[in-house]
Amino acid sequence: MATARGAVALDNLAPIALLLTQWRHSAEVHADPALLALITREPDGDLGPAAMPEAAERAASPSPAPIARVRRPRPSARRRGA
């Protein structure tokens, strides 16, 4: 219900469509015993080294661009005196 309320509040029904698609896929997996066994089994062997979380985050996201400073022109001497 929270997804539906949030989607309606934002006037965007895409989250509801995504939720229904996920539910459908879950039902398909649970309805097929062979697929359920394949999805829920333990992996065979070692999956290899895992990257440290901080290193993975830095590698995945580019560094942000520097923020440009905008300099405002100083008011002219005539405007100050007026």
Protein backbone atom coordinates (compact mmCIF):
# COMPACT_ATOMS: atom_id res chain seq x y z
CA MET A 1 0.00 0.00 0.00
CA ALA A 2 2.86 2.38 0.75
CA THR A 3 4.11 2.10 -2.84
CA ALA A 4 0.63 2.82 -4.21
CA ARG A 5 0.12 5.83 -1.95
CA GLY A 6 3.54 7.24 -2.80
CA ALA A 7 3.00 6.73 -6.52
CA VAL A 8 -0.38 8.46 -6.43
CA ALA A 9 1.02 11.33 -4.36
CA LEU A 10 3.75 11.87 -6.95
CA ASP A 11 1.34 11.35 -9.86
CA ASN A 12 3.71 8.64 -11.18
CA LEU A 13 2.38 5.10 -11.53
CA ALA A 14 5.68 3.58 -12.70
CA PRO A 15 6.56 2.25 -9.20
CA ILE A 16 3.29 0.29 -9.14
CA ALA A 17 4.04 -1.26 -12.52
CA LEU A 18 7.51 -2.25 -11.31
CA LEU A 19 6.09 -3.77 -8.11
CA LEU A 20 3.53 -5.83 -10.06
CA THR A 21 6.24 -7.08 -12.42
CA GLN A 22 8.40 -8.14 -9.46
CA TRP A 23 5.47 -9.95 -7.86
CA ARG A 24 4.77 -11.77 -11.14
CA HIS A 25 8.40 -12.90 -11.44
CA SER A 26 8.40 -14.10 -7.82
CA ALA A 27 5.23 -16.12 -8.46
CA GLU A 28 6.78 -17.67 -11.58
CA VAL A 29 9.84 -18.80 -9.60
CA HIS A 30 7.77 -20.28 -6.75
CA ALA A 31 5.43 -22.06 -9.20
CA ASP A 32 8.30 -23.94 -10.91
CA PRO A 33 10.09 -26.35 -8.50
CA ALA A 34 13.14 -26.72 -10.78
CA LEU A 35 13.58 -22.95 -11.10
CA LEU A 36 13.07 -22.44 -7.36
CA ALA A 37 15.76 -25.04 -6.61
CA LEU A 38 18.15 -23.37 -9.05
CA ILE A 39 17.61 -19.89 -7.61
CA THR A 40 17.80 -20.89 -3.93
CA ARG A 41 20.76 -23.32 -4.01
CA GLU A 42 24.16 -22.47 -2.60
CA PRO A 43 26.77 -21.44 -5.19
CA ASP A 44 29.39 -23.99 -6.26
CA GLY A 45 32.89 -23.19 -5.08
CA ASP A 46 34.51 -19.85 -4.37
CA LEU A 47 33.10 -16.78 -6.07
CA GLY A 48 36.48 -15.02 -5.98
CA PRO A 49 37.77 -12.03 -4.08
CA ALA A 50 35.39 -9.27 -3.11
CA ALA A 51 36.35 -5.62 -3.39
CA MET A 52 36.29 -3.46 -0.30
CA PRO A 53 33.03 -1.46 -0.21
CA GLU A 54 34.76 1.94 -0.22
CA ALA A 55 36.92 1.02 -3.20
CA ALA A 56 33.93 -0.31 -5.10
CA GLU A 57 31.95 2.88 -4.50
CA ARG A 58 34.81 5.10 -5.66
CA ALA A 59 35.34 2.99 -8.78
CA ALA A 60 31.63 3.00 -9.65
CA SER A 61 30.99 6.71 -9.27
CA PRO A 62 33.02 9.38 -11.04
CA SER A 63 34.36 12.22 -8.99
CA PRO A 64 32.03 15.21 -8.97
CA ALA A 65 32.84 18.15 -11.18
CA PRO A 66 34.15 21.20 -9.37
CA ILE A 67 31.61 23.90 -8.69
CA ALA A 68 32.32 27.07 -10.62
CA ARG A 69 32.24 30.26 -8.64
CA VAL A 70 30.31 33.11 -10.12
CA ARG A 71 31.60 36.56 -9.32
CA ARG A 72 29.11 39.35 -9.32
CA PRO A 73 30.26 42.69 -10.65
CA ARG A 74 30.71 45.30 -7.99
CA PRO A 75 28.21 48.14 -7.99
CA SER A 76 29.54 51.26 -9.64
CA ALA A 77 30.49 54.30 -7.57
CA ARG A 78 27.63 56.28 -9.10
CA ARG A 79 25.02 53.83 -7.88
CA ARG A 80 26.34 53.82 -4.32
CA GLY A 81 26.11 57.57 -3.97
CA ALA A 82 22.65 57.90 -5.45
